[in-house]
Amino acid sequence: MGQKVNPIGLRLGVNKTWKSKWYVDPREYAETLHEDLKLRKALIECPEVQGAEISDVEIIRKPQRITIVITTSRPGIIIGSKGANVEKLGARLQKLSNKKVQIKIKEIKKPEADAQLIAMNVAKQLVSRGSFRRAMKTAVSKAIQSGAQGVKIRLSGRIGGAEIARSEWMKEGRVPLHTLRSDIDYGFTTANTTFGVIGVKVWVFNGEIYDRAIKDDAGGLVRKPGKSESLEARS
């Protein structure tokens, strides 16, 4: 059996970053983590965001403020008329935290090539009893047309109402999961059908990232000067 690993977790610190950005005392870690989970869950379940196609929720904590960045393909639904929905959403989330909650909305320019949105779209079609092969094929072809270099979709469960659970997958283009510099977008969701739960996984390859930002190495900043450096300094 192949040992699968989350492609985003594998690339953390290489070309991917964390979904929650904060630093607290180790004694407060568990409490802060659970507050993050509550905020995410409450946000997804809010009636104001239903049908908004949310791809990602990023939480950035500062000493007195929590900034929630919502990545969506339909920002108009979340904003509402004259920003009414955002205010309601902010008020709901404010009840879960004692810090000031700020909401920012980020629009997805190409929703057809976003892995999470592809997974949600396929899951929606499975729930409405659509053909799983057609759903996968259309999703893959749309992603390739909108600029993705490779797409892979995998379904697992009682596909098509079969008695025995199985896995079906479809792939087009390149999806190099072992190459760390490759920009892999990963999405996962579940389709709650009448005959059981079907898992939907999507991998989208958006090319390779070569120009990594070179950060100052903390060890290099405080290293002791070598012999040649110390002689130059004396002279």
C-alpha atoms as a PDB file:
ATOM      1  CA  MET A   1       0.000   0.000   0.000  1.00  0.00           C
ATOM      2  CA  GLY A   2       1.259   3.478  -0.838  1.00  0.00           C
ATOM      3  CA  GLN A   3       1.649   5.730   2.186  1.00  0.00           C
ATOM      4  CA  LYS A   4      -0.236   8.882   1.190  1.00  0.00           C
ATOM      5  CA  VAL A   5       0.617  12.245   2.709  1.00  0.00           C
ATOM      6  CA  ASN A   6      -1.218  15.564   2.455  1.00  0.00           C
ATOM      7  CA  PRO A   7       0.594  17.486  -0.334  1.00  0.00           C
ATOM      8  CA  ILE A   8       0.095  20.830   1.437  1.00  0.00           C
ATOM      9  CA  GLY A   9       1.476  19.510   4.758  1.00  0.00           C
ATOM     10  CA  LEU A  10       4.479  18.056   2.923  1.00  0.00           C
ATOM     11  CA  ARG A  11       5.276  21.458   1.367  1.00  0.00           C
ATOM     12  CA  LEU A  12       4.847  23.648   4.468  1.00  0.00           C
ATOM     13  CA  GLY A  13       7.783  26.034   4.605  1.00  0.00           C
ATOM     14  CA  VAL A  14       8.798  25.177   1.021  1.00  0.00           C
ATOM     15  CA  ASN A  15       6.123  26.802  -1.151  1.00  0.00           C
ATOM     16  CA  LYS A  16       3.021  26.522   1.060  1.00  0.00           C
ATOM     17  CA  THR A  17       2.153  28.311   4.277  1.00  0.00           C
ATOM     18  CA  TRP A  18       0.005  27.613   7.328  1.00  0.00           C
ATOM     19  CA  LYS A  19      -3.776  28.170   7.387  1.00  0.00           C
ATOM     20  CA  SER A  20      -3.528  29.606  10.913  1.00  0.00           C
ATOM     21  CA  LYS A  21      -0.794  32.146  11.633  1.00  0.00           C
ATOM     22  CA  TRP A  22      -0.185  32.908  15.295  1.00  0.00           C
ATOM     23  CA  TYR A  23       2.191  32.323  18.181  1.00  0.00           C
ATOM     24  CA  VAL A  24       1.100  31.836  21.804  1.00  0.00           C
ATOM     25  CA  ASP A  25       2.451  30.514  25.079  1.00  0.00           C
ATOM     26  CA  PRO A  26       2.464  26.658  25.067  1.00  0.00           C
ATOM     27  CA  ARG A  27      -0.069  26.668  27.941  1.00  0.00           C
ATOM     28  CA  GLU A  28      -2.567  28.584  25.770  1.00  0.00           C
ATOM     29  CA  TYR A  29      -1.959  26.518  22.627  1.00  0.00           C
ATOM     30  CA  ALA A  30      -4.833  23.983  23.027  1.00  0.00           C
ATOM     31  CA  GLU A  31      -7.372  26.686  23.896  1.00  0.00           C
ATOM     32  CA  THR A  32      -6.344  28.860  20.917  1.00  0.00           C
ATOM     33  CA  LEU A  33      -6.422  25.893  18.536  1.00  0.00           C
ATOM     34  CA  HIS A  34      -9.956  24.938  19.638  1.00  0.00           C
ATOM     35  CA  GLU A  35     -11.074  28.550  19.239  1.00  0.00           C
ATOM     36  CA  ASP A  36      -9.751  28.451  15.641  1.00  0.00           C
ATOM     37  CA  LEU A  37     -11.709  25.249  14.964  1.00  0.00           C
ATOM     38  CA  LYS A  38     -14.897  26.798  16.429  1.00  0.00           C
ATOM     39  CA  LEU A  39     -14.482  29.924  14.270  1.00  0.00           C
ATOM     40  CA  ARG A  40     -13.980  27.861  11.091  1.00  0.00           C
ATOM     41  CA  LYS A  41     -16.971  25.620  11.838  1.00  0.00           C
ATOM     42  CA  ALA A  42     -19.253  28.566  12.715  1.00  0.00           C
ATOM     43  CA  LEU A  43     -18.193  30.406   9.557  1.00  0.00           C
ATOM     44  CA  ILE A  44     -18.952  27.464   7.224  1.00  0.00           C
ATOM     45  CA  GLU A  45     -22.351  26.858   8.930  1.00  0.00           C
ATOM     46  CA  CYS A  46     -23.450  30.534   8.818  1.00  0.00           C
ATOM     47  CA  PRO A  47     -26.550  31.093   6.634  1.00  0.00           C
ATOM     48  CA  GLU A  48     -24.906  34.260   5.207  1.00  0.00           C
ATOM     49  CA  VAL A  49     -22.207  32.246   3.412  1.00  0.00           C
ATOM     50  CA  GLN A  50     -24.313  29.398   2.005  1.00  0.00           C
ATOM     51  CA  GLY A  51     -23.680  29.055  -1.730  1.00  0.00           C
ATOM     52  CA  ALA A  52     -20.651  31.367  -1.584  1.00  0.00           C
ATOM     53  CA  GLU A  53     -18.228  28.560  -2.595  1.00  0.00           C
ATOM     54  CA  ILE A  54     -15.612  29.103   0.098  1.00  0.00           C
ATOM     55  CA  SER A  55     -12.295  27.506  -0.838  1.00  0.00           C
ATOM     56  CA  ASP A  56     -10.122  28.450   2.137  1.00  0.00           C
ATOM     57  CA  VAL A  57     -10.293  30.181   5.533  1.00  0.00           C
ATOM     58  CA  GLU A  58      -7.092  31.696   6.905  1.00  0.00           C
ATOM     59  CA  ILE A  59      -6.854  32.924  10.513  1.00  0.00           C
ATOM     60  CA  ILE A  60      -4.211  35.507  11.459  1.00  0.00           C
ATOM     61  CA  ARG A  61      -3.954  36.424  15.136  1.00  0.00           C
ATOM     62  CA  LYS A  62      -2.462  39.630  16.513  1.00  0.00           C
ATOM     63  CA  PRO A  63      -2.396  40.565  20.245  1.00  0.00           C
ATOM     64  CA  GLN A  64      -5.734  42.418  20.166  1.00  0.00           C
ATOM     65  CA  ARG A  65      -7.272  41.310  16.852  1.00  0.00           C
ATOM     66  CA  ILE A  66      -8.189  38.209  14.828  1.00  0.00           C
ATOM     67  CA  THR A  67      -8.227  38.623  11.041  1.00  0.00           C
ATOM     68  CA  ILE A  68     -10.192  35.978   9.111  1.00  0.00           C
ATOM     69  CA  VAL A  69      -9.353  35.880   5.401  1.00  0.00           C
ATOM     70  CA  ILE A  70     -12.102  34.120   3.404  1.00  0.00           C
ATOM     71  CA  THR A  71     -11.087  32.909  -0.069  1.00  0.00           C
ATOM     72  CA  THR A  72     -14.186  32.585  -2.245  1.00  0.00           C
ATOM     73  CA  SER A  73     -15.207  32.563  -5.891  1.00  0.00           C
ATOM     74  CA  ARG A  74     -18.427  34.497  -5.159  1.00  0.00           C
ATOM     75  CA  PRO A  75     -17.545  37.415  -2.845  1.00  0.00           C
ATOM     76  CA  GLY A  76     -20.813  39.237  -3.604  1.00  0.00           C
ATOM     77  CA  ILE A  77     -22.834  36.663  -1.608  1.00  0.00           C
ATOM     78  CA  ILE A  78     -20.674  37.107   1.522  1.00  0.00           C
ATOM     79  CA  ILE A  79     -20.601  40.918   1.256  1.00  0.00           C
ATOM     80  CA  GLY A  80     -24.346  41.236   0.618  1.00  0.00           C
ATOM     81  CA  SER A  81     -26.119  44.478  -0.250  1.00  0.00           C
ATOM     82  CA  LYS A  82     -24.086  47.398   1.150  1.00  0.00           C
ATOM     83  CA  GLY A  83     -22.024  44.984   3.278  1.00  0.00           C
ATOM     84  CA  ALA A  84     -24.975  43.794   5.406  1.00  0.00           C
ATOM     85  CA  ASN A  85     -23.989  40.113   5.304  1.00  0.00           C
ATOM     86  CA  VAL A  86     -20.386  40.778   6.367  1.00  0.00           C
ATOM     87  CA  GLU A  87     -21.596  42.731   9.391  1.00  0.00           C
ATOM     88  CA  LYS A  88     -23.943  39.886  10.425  1.00  0.00           C
ATOM     89  CA  LEU A  89     -21.170  37.352   9.915  1.00  0.00           C
ATOM     90  CA  GLY A  90     -18.739  39.450  11.972  1.00  0.00           C
ATOM     91  CA  ALA A  91     -21.296  39.759  14.799  1.00  0.00           C
ATOM     92  CA  ARG A  92     -21.816  35.960  14.862  1.00  0.00           C
ATOM     93  CA  LEU A  93     -18.081  35.205  14.985  1.00  0.00           C
ATOM     94  CA  GLN A  94     -17.443  37.950  17.563  1.00  0.00           C
ATOM     95  CA  LYS A  95     -19.523  35.970  20.108  1.00  0.00           C
ATOM     96  CA  LEU A  96     -17.009  33.100  19.935  1.00  0.00           C
ATOM     97  CA  SER A  97     -13.945  35.197  20.786  1.00  0.00           C
ATOM     98  CA  ASN A  98     -13.039  37.906  23.287  1.00  0.00           C
ATOM     99  CA  LYS A  99     -10.757  39.634  20.747  1.00  0.00           C
ATOM    100  CA  LYS A 100     -11.906  41.928  17.923  1.00  0.00           C
ATOM    101  CA  VAL A 101     -12.769  39.866  14.818  1.00  0.00           C
ATOM    102  CA  GLN A 102     -12.014  41.399  11.420  1.00  0.00           C
ATOM    103  CA  ILE A 103     -13.155  39.772   8.138  1.00  0.00           C
ATOM    104  CA  LYS A 104     -11.348  40.112   4.822  1.00  0.00           C
ATOM    105  CA  ILE A 105     -12.551  38.610   1.544  1.00  0.00           C
ATOM    106  CA  LYS A 106     -10.245  37.366  -1.205  1.00  0.00           C
ATOM    107  CA  GLU A 107     -11.667  36.540  -4.643  1.00  0.00           C
ATOM    108  CA  ILE A 108     -10.585  33.497  -6.690  1.00  0.00           C
ATOM    109  CA  LYS A 109      -9.975  34.540 -10.284  1.00  0.00           C
ATOM    110  CA  LYS A 110     -10.091  30.980 -11.733  1.00  0.00           C
ATOM    111  CA  PRO A 111     -12.563  28.867  -9.695  1.00  0.00           C
ATOM    112  CA  GLU A 112     -12.380  26.017 -12.269  1.00  0.00           C
ATOM    113  CA  ALA A 113      -8.722  25.393 -11.306  1.00  0.00           C
ATOM    114  CA  ASP A 114      -9.174  25.563  -7.503  1.00  0.00           C
ATOM    115  CA  ALA A 115      -8.911  22.053  -5.990  1.00  0.00           C
ATOM    116  CA  GLN A 116     -11.352  22.611  -3.098  1.00  0.00           C
ATOM    117  CA  LEU A 117     -14.005  24.128  -5.365  1.00  0.00           C
ATOM    118  CA  ILE A 118     -13.601  21.269  -7.875  1.00  0.00           C
ATOM    119  CA  ALA A 119     -14.108  18.735  -5.045  1.00  0.00           C
ATOM    120  CA  MET A 120     -17.207  20.596  -3.791  1.00  0.00           C
ATOM    121  CA  ASN A 121     -18.654  20.790  -7.309  1.00  0.00           C
ATOM    122  CA  VAL A 122     -18.155  17.037  -7.932  1.00  0.00           C
ATOM    123  CA  ALA A 123     -19.648  16.222  -4.495  1.00  0.00           C
ATOM    124  CA  LYS A 124     -22.708  18.378  -5.280  1.00  0.00           C
ATOM    125  CA  GLN A 125     -23.290  16.434  -8.510  1.00  0.00           C
ATOM    126  CA  LEU A 126     -22.943  13.099  -6.671  1.00  0.00           C
ATOM    127  CA  VAL A 127     -25.552  14.171  -4.089  1.00  0.00           C
ATOM    128  CA  SER A 128     -27.964  15.117  -6.888  1.00  0.00           C
ATOM    129  CA  ARG A 129     -27.465  11.593  -8.335  1.00  0.00           C
ATOM    130  CA  GLY A 130     -25.516  12.731 -11.383  1.00  0.00           C
ATOM    131  CA  SER A 131     -23.189  10.392 -13.280  1.00  0.00           C
ATOM    132  CA  PHE A 132     -19.873  10.288 -11.384  1.00  0.00           C
ATOM    133  CA  ARG A 133     -17.829   9.710 -14.561  1.00  0.00           C
ATOM    134  CA  ARG A 134     -19.368  12.694 -16.321  1.00  0.00           C
ATOM    135  CA  ALA A 135     -18.859  14.866 -13.218  1.00  0.00           C
ATOM    136  CA  MET A 136     -15.171  13.897 -13.029  1.00  0.00           C
ATOM    137  CA  LYS A 137     -14.579  14.311 -16.766  1.00  0.00           C
ATOM    138  CA  THR A 138     -16.141  17.791 -16.990  1.00  0.00           C
ATOM    139  CA  ALA A 139     -14.276  18.962 -13.853  1.00  0.00           C
ATOM    140  CA  VAL A 140     -10.916  17.720 -15.206  1.00  0.00           C
ATOM    141  CA  SER A 141     -11.402  19.235 -18.680  1.00  0.00           C
ATOM    142  CA  LYS A 142     -12.513  22.634 -17.250  1.00  0.00           C
ATOM    143  CA  ALA A 143      -9.469  22.758 -14.948  1.00  0.00           C
ATOM    144  CA  ILE A 144      -7.077  22.017 -17.836  1.00  0.00           C
ATOM    145  CA  GLN A 145      -8.790  24.656 -20.011  1.00  0.00           C
ATOM    146  CA  SER A 146      -8.404  27.289 -17.277  1.00  0.00           C
ATOM    147  CA  GLY A 147      -4.623  26.816 -17.098  1.00  0.00           C
ATOM    148  CA  ALA A 148      -3.856  23.873 -14.763  1.00  0.00           C
ATOM    149  CA  GLN A 149      -0.948  21.671 -15.934  1.00  0.00           C
ATOM    150  CA  GLY A 150      -2.429  18.521 -14.414  1.00  0.00           C
ATOM    151  CA  VAL A 151      -5.493  17.342 -12.457  1.00  0.00           C
ATOM    152  CA  LYS A 152      -6.297  14.148 -10.597  1.00  0.00           C
ATOM    153  CA  ILE A 153      -9.679  13.325  -8.989  1.00  0.00           C
ATOM    154  CA  ARG A 154     -10.277  10.298  -6.788  1.00  0.00           C
ATOM    155  CA  LEU A 155     -13.663   9.119  -5.436  1.00  0.00           C
ATOM    156  CA  SER A 156     -13.996   6.487  -2.692  1.00  0.00           C
ATOM    157  CA  GLY A 157     -17.157   4.882  -1.301  1.00  0.00           C
ATOM    158  CA  ARG A 158     -20.366   3.302  -2.588  1.00  0.00           C
ATOM    159  CA  ILE A 159     -20.054   4.927  -6.011  1.00  0.00           C
ATOM    160  CA  GLY A 160     -23.256   4.711  -8.049  1.00  0.00           C
ATOM    161  CA  GLY A 161     -25.053   3.019  -5.130  1.00  0.00           C
ATOM    162  CA  ALA A 162     -23.001  -0.194  -5.437  1.00  0.00           C
ATOM    163  CA  GLU A 163     -23.113  -2.706  -2.573  1.00  0.00           C
ATOM    164  CA  ILE A 164     -19.324  -2.804  -2.229  1.00  0.00           C
ATOM    165  CA  ALA A 165     -17.311   0.384  -1.748  1.00  0.00           C
ATOM    166  CA  ARG A 166     -14.582   1.038  -4.282  1.00  0.00           C
ATOM    167  CA  SER A 167     -12.288   3.769  -5.575  1.00  0.00           C
ATOM    168  CA  GLU A 168     -12.459   5.415  -8.986  1.00  0.00           C
ATOM    169  CA  TRP A 169     -10.025   8.009 -10.287  1.00  0.00           C
ATOM    170  CA  MET A 170      -9.382  10.153 -13.328  1.00  0.00           C
ATOM    171  CA  LYS A 171      -6.214  12.010 -14.272  1.00  0.00           C
ATOM    172  CA  GLU A 172      -5.084  14.361 -17.020  1.00  0.00           C
ATOM    173  CA  GLY A 173      -1.684  16.028 -17.419  1.00  0.00           C
ATOM    174  CA  ARG A 174       1.179  15.828 -14.894  1.00  0.00           C
ATOM    175  CA  VAL A 175       0.682  15.675 -11.105  1.00  0.00           C
ATOM    176  CA  PRO A 176       4.209  15.240  -9.606  1.00  0.00           C
ATOM    177  CA  LEU A 177       3.402  14.721  -5.907  1.00  0.00           C
ATOM    178  CA  HIS A 178       7.000  13.776  -4.959  1.00  0.00           C
ATOM    179  CA  THR A 179       8.543  16.974  -6.348  1.00  0.00           C
ATOM    180  CA  LEU A 180       8.679  19.481  -3.490  1.00  0.00           C
ATOM    181  CA  ARG A 181       8.994  22.552  -5.725  1.00  0.00           C
ATOM    182  CA  SER A 182       5.775  21.660  -7.594  1.00  0.00           C
ATOM    183  CA  ASP A 183       2.801  23.872  -6.721  1.00  0.00           C
ATOM    184  CA  ILE A 184       0.127  21.305  -5.833  1.00  0.00           C
ATOM    185  CA  ASP A 185      -3.313  22.517  -4.773  1.00  0.00           C
ATOM    186  CA  TYR A 186      -5.222  19.879  -2.778  1.00  0.00           C
ATOM    187  CA  GLY A 187      -8.929  19.725  -1.955  1.00  0.00           C
ATOM    188  CA  PHE A 188     -11.056  17.240  -0.043  1.00  0.00           C
ATOM    189  CA  THR A 189     -14.750  17.014   0.775  1.00  0.00           C
ATOM    190  CA  THR A 190     -17.449  14.405   1.371  1.00  0.00           C
ATOM    191  CA  ALA A 191     -20.673  13.827  -0.545  1.00  0.00           C
ATOM    192  CA  ASN A 192     -23.441  12.688   1.809  1.00  0.00           C
ATOM    193  CA  THR A 193     -25.520  10.606  -0.600  1.00  0.00           C
ATOM    194  CA  THR A 194     -28.605   8.525   0.265  1.00  0.00           C
ATOM    195  CA  PHE A 195     -26.554   5.297   0.118  1.00  0.00           C
ATOM    196  CA  GLY A 196     -23.553   6.473   2.154  1.00  0.00           C
ATOM    197  CA  VAL A 197     -20.680   8.908   2.287  1.00  0.00           C
ATOM    198  CA  ILE A 198     -18.412   9.281  -0.756  1.00  0.00           C
ATOM    199  CA  GLY A 199     -15.016  10.943  -0.300  1.00  0.00           C
ATOM    200  CA  VAL A 200     -13.786  13.280  -3.033  1.00  0.00           C
ATOM    201  CA  LYS A 201     -10.079  14.144  -3.309  1.00  0.00           C
ATOM    202  CA  VAL A 202      -8.626  16.528  -5.900  1.00  0.00           C
ATOM    203  CA  TRP A 203      -5.015  17.346  -6.763  1.00  0.00           C
ATOM    204  CA  VAL A 204      -4.268  20.268  -9.136  1.00  0.00           C
ATOM    205  CA  PHE A 205      -0.748  20.906 -10.466  1.00  0.00           C
ATOM    206  CA  ASN A 206      -0.113  24.596 -11.236  1.00  0.00           C
ATOM    207  CA  GLY A 207       3.519  24.414 -12.375  1.00  0.00           C
ATOM    208  CA  GLU A 208       6.826  24.497 -10.503  1.00  0.00           C
ATOM    209  CA  ILE A 209       8.050  27.303  -8.246  1.00  0.00           C
ATOM    210  CA  TYR A 210      11.780  28.007  -8.592  1.00  0.00           C
ATOM    211  CA  ASP A 211      12.251  31.512  -7.179  1.00  0.00           C
ATOM    212  CA  ARG A 212      11.908  30.895  -3.466  1.00  0.00           C
ATOM    213  CA  ALA A 213      12.259  33.988  -1.290  1.00  0.00           C
ATOM    214  CA  ILE A 214      15.634  33.684   0.463  1.00  0.00           C
ATOM    215  CA  LYS A 215      15.184  34.555   4.123  1.00  0.00           C
ATOM    216  CA  ASP A 216      17.927  35.649   6.503  1.00  0.00           C
ATOM    217  CA  ASP A 217      19.163  32.588   8.322  1.00  0.00           C
ATOM    218  CA  ALA A 218      19.110  33.212  12.078  1.00  0.00           C
ATOM    219  CA  GLY A 219      22.206  30.996  12.511  1.00  0.00           C
ATOM    220  CA  GLY A 220      24.089  32.944   9.837  1.00  0.00           C
ATOM    221  CA  LEU A 221      23.311  36.294  11.461  1.00  0.00           C
ATOM    222  CA  VAL A 222      24.986  35.395  14.758  1.00  0.00           C
ATOM    223  CA  ARG A 223      27.797  33.138  13.480  1.00  0.00           C
ATOM    224  CA  LYS A 224      31.331  33.809  14.632  1.00  0.00           C
ATOM    225  CA  PRO A 225      33.711  35.338  12.074  1.00  0.00           C
ATOM    226  CA  GLY A 226      36.207  32.937  10.487  1.00  0.00           C
ATOM    227  CA  LYS A 227      40.005  33.292  10.671  1.00  0.00           C
ATOM    228  CA  SER A 228      40.293  35.249   7.417  1.00  0.00           C
ATOM    229  CA  GLU A 229      37.461  37.623   8.462  1.00  0.00           C
ATOM    230  CA  SER A 230      39.028  38.297  11.882  1.00  0.00           C
ATOM    231  CA  LEU A 231      42.472  39.002  10.278  1.00  0.00           C
ATOM    232  CA  GLU A 232      40.893  41.465   7.824  1.00  0.00           C
ATOM    233  CA  ALA A 233      39.126  43.208  10.708  1.00  0.00           C
ATOM    234  CA  ARG A 234      42.462  43.594  12.607  1.00  0.00           C
ATOM    235  CA  SER A 235      44.278  45.000   9.607  1.00  0.00           C
END
